[in-house]
Every structure is written in C-alpha cells, then in structure tokens.
Amino acid sequence: QVQLVESGGGLVQAGGSLRLSCAASGTIFGIDVVGWYRQAPGKQRELVARFTRLGSTNYADSVKGRFTISRDNAKNTVYLQMNSLKPEDTAVYYCNLDRGYADYWGQGTQVTVSS
C-alpha cells in the first residue's frame, strides 16, 4: 500500500511560479514510476510530467520548457516546478505512482492561475 500526499497548490498570477510536492509513504520499489497529472474543469485528466522506468522524463507538449519534474529519493518525494504559469494551467494536479499492477493517487491539489 502506498499513500501520496500533495502540497504546494494555490493561487498565482499568470507568469508566476509554484512548486508542487508529493510525499510518498509505504513501500516504494525501484520499478515504481512517478508522475504528475492534472484535470482542468470540463477536461479529461492528462499527463503533465513523469519519470520513465529508465530514469528519463516525459512532459506534455503544453508544459515542456516551463515545468520540471524532480525527485528526492531520500525523502520519497517528487516535485513539480511550474514556471511561466498560464491561465490554461489551472487544474487540479494529482501525483501518481504506477507500480504496473496498481496505480496510486494523491488527493489532488488545486492550482489556479489568474490572468
């Protein structure tokens, strides 16, 4: 069992920055893949950024160059640094851990970008 707790969301003006954090507890394996997803009002949930099983990163085209995913393995924490935020980034952001046979999700944290 894995628990994910997110923090760092809030209200920010366009062009501003936020850093989201996701702390994982429970048993974490090397095969686990972590990433960030978001769901905007009236939209489907979409991948924002993730680590691959080989340690590379994938980003949605809409955030590439603005967002950076990182992790601190000693703290079992994954981060999403969001720069140059746009109103269209407004969404609930979810931390995800993919074990292959199971998916774990955080509670979601609201990010609102005002214009």
Protein backbone atom coordinates (compact mmCIF):
# COMPACT_ATOMS: atom_id res chain seq x y z
CA GLN A 1 0.00 0.00 0.00
CA VAL A 2 1.20 3.47 -0.90
CA GLN A 3 -0.06 6.81 0.30
CA LEU A 4 0.63 10.02 -1.57
CA VAL A 5 0.23 13.45 0.00
CA GLU A 6 0.45 16.54 -2.17
CA SER A 7 1.09 20.13 -1.25
CA GLY A 8 2.06 23.41 -2.83
CA GLY A 9 -1.01 24.33 -4.82
CA GLY A 10 -2.57 27.74 -4.65
CA LEU A 11 -3.46 30.89 -6.49
CA VAL A 12 -0.85 32.60 -8.62
CA GLN A 13 -0.84 35.27 -11.29
CA ALA A 14 0.00 34.48 -14.88
CA GLY A 15 3.74 34.35 -15.35
CA GLY A 16 4.31 33.27 -11.78
CA SER A 17 5.68 30.06 -10.36
CA LEU A 18 4.67 27.30 -8.00
CA ARG A 19 6.34 24.15 -6.78
CA LEU A 20 4.22 21.14 -6.01
CA SER A 21 5.40 18.40 -3.69
CA CYS A 22 4.24 14.83 -3.34
CA ALA A 23 5.42 12.80 -0.37
CA ALA A 24 5.06 9.04 -0.64
CA SER A 25 4.78 6.68 2.28
CA GLY A 26 4.58 2.92 2.42
CA THR A 27 6.79 0.56 0.49
CA ILE A 28 8.35 2.09 -2.60
CA PHE A 29 10.00 -0.11 -5.19
CA GLY A 30 12.53 0.69 -7.85
CA ILE A 31 10.08 -0.35 -10.53
CA ASP A 32 7.63 2.32 -9.46
CA VAL A 33 7.09 5.18 -11.88
CA VAL A 34 6.00 8.54 -10.51
CA GLY A 35 4.48 11.46 -12.30
CA TRP A 36 2.06 14.35 -12.27
CA TYR A 37 -1.33 14.58 -13.90
CA ARG A 38 -3.91 17.32 -13.99
CA GLN A 39 -7.58 17.76 -14.67
CA ALA A 40 -9.00 21.11 -15.67
CA PRO A 41 -12.68 21.97 -15.44
CA GLY A 42 -14.57 20.23 -18.22
CA LYS A 43 -11.45 18.44 -19.40
CA GLN A 44 -10.08 14.93 -19.17
CA ARG A 45 -7.23 14.07 -16.89
CA GLU A 46 -3.93 14.42 -18.70
CA LEU A 47 -0.31 13.59 -18.11
CA VAL A 48 1.81 16.58 -17.19
CA ALA A 49 5.20 15.05 -16.45
CA ARG A 50 6.59 11.72 -15.36
CA PHE A 51 9.73 9.71 -14.87
CA THR A 52 10.19 6.66 -17.04
CA ARG A 53 11.43 3.34 -15.69
CA LEU A 54 14.82 4.15 -17.15
CA GLY A 55 15.07 7.44 -15.33
CA SER A 56 14.25 9.75 -18.21
CA THR A 57 11.46 12.29 -18.15
CA ASN A 58 8.41 12.86 -20.30
CA TYR A 59 6.48 16.11 -20.50
CA ALA A 60 3.27 17.16 -22.10
CA ASP A 61 3.94 19.44 -25.05
CA SER A 62 1.92 22.16 -23.38
CA VAL A 63 4.28 22.36 -20.39
CA LYS A 64 7.64 21.43 -21.85
CA GLY A 65 10.17 24.14 -21.18
CA ARG A 66 8.11 25.57 -18.34
CA PHE A 67 7.66 22.67 -15.93
CA THR A 68 10.31 20.46 -14.40
CA ILE A 69 9.76 17.20 -12.55
CA SER A 70 12.33 16.15 -9.98
CA ARG A 71 12.61 13.82 -7.03
CA ASP A 72 14.40 13.34 -3.76
CA ASN A 73 14.65 9.62 -3.21
CA ALA A 74 15.89 10.05 0.35
CA LYS A 75 12.64 11.82 1.17
CA ASN A 76 10.43 9.71 -1.09
CA THR A 77 9.23 12.96 -2.57
CA VAL A 78 8.58 14.07 -6.11
CA TYR A 79 8.32 17.70 -7.13
CA LEU A 80 6.84 19.66 -9.98
CA GLN A 81 8.38 23.07 -10.51
CA MET A 82 5.98 25.17 -12.57
CA ASN A 83 7.26 28.37 -14.12
CA SER A 84 5.71 30.87 -16.51
CA LEU A 85 2.27 29.74 -15.47
CA LYS A 86 -0.65 30.40 -17.76
CA PRO A 87 -4.38 30.54 -17.03
CA GLU A 88 -4.78 27.32 -19.01
CA ASP A 89 -2.61 25.59 -16.41
CA THR A 90 -5.46 25.97 -13.95
CA ALA A 91 -6.42 22.49 -12.82
CA VAL A 92 -6.36 20.02 -10.00
CA TYR A 93 -2.93 18.42 -10.02
CA TYR A 94 -2.52 14.82 -8.95
CA CYS A 95 0.55 12.85 -8.00
CA ASN A 96 0.63 9.33 -9.39
CA LEU A 97 2.66 6.24 -8.65
CA ASP A 98 2.44 3.45 -11.20
CA ARG A 99 3.52 0.03 -9.98
CA GLY A 100 2.44 -1.71 -13.16
CA TYR A 101 -0.22 -3.80 -11.48
CA ALA A 102 -1.60 -0.93 -9.42
CA ASP A 103 -1.93 2.84 -9.54
CA TYR A 104 -1.83 5.12 -6.54
CA TRP A 105 -3.05 8.69 -6.50
CA GLY A 106 -2.74 11.66 -4.25
CA GLN A 107 -5.73 13.67 -3.12
CA GLY A 108 -5.07 16.40 -5.65
CA THR A 109 -4.05 19.99 -5.13
CA GLN A 110 -5.72 22.95 -6.78
CA VAL A 111 -3.64 25.28 -8.92
CA THR A 112 -5.37 28.43 -10.08
CA VAL A 113 -3.64 30.87 -12.41
CA SER A 114 -5.24 34.26 -12.81
CA SER A 115 -4.80 36.48 -15.84
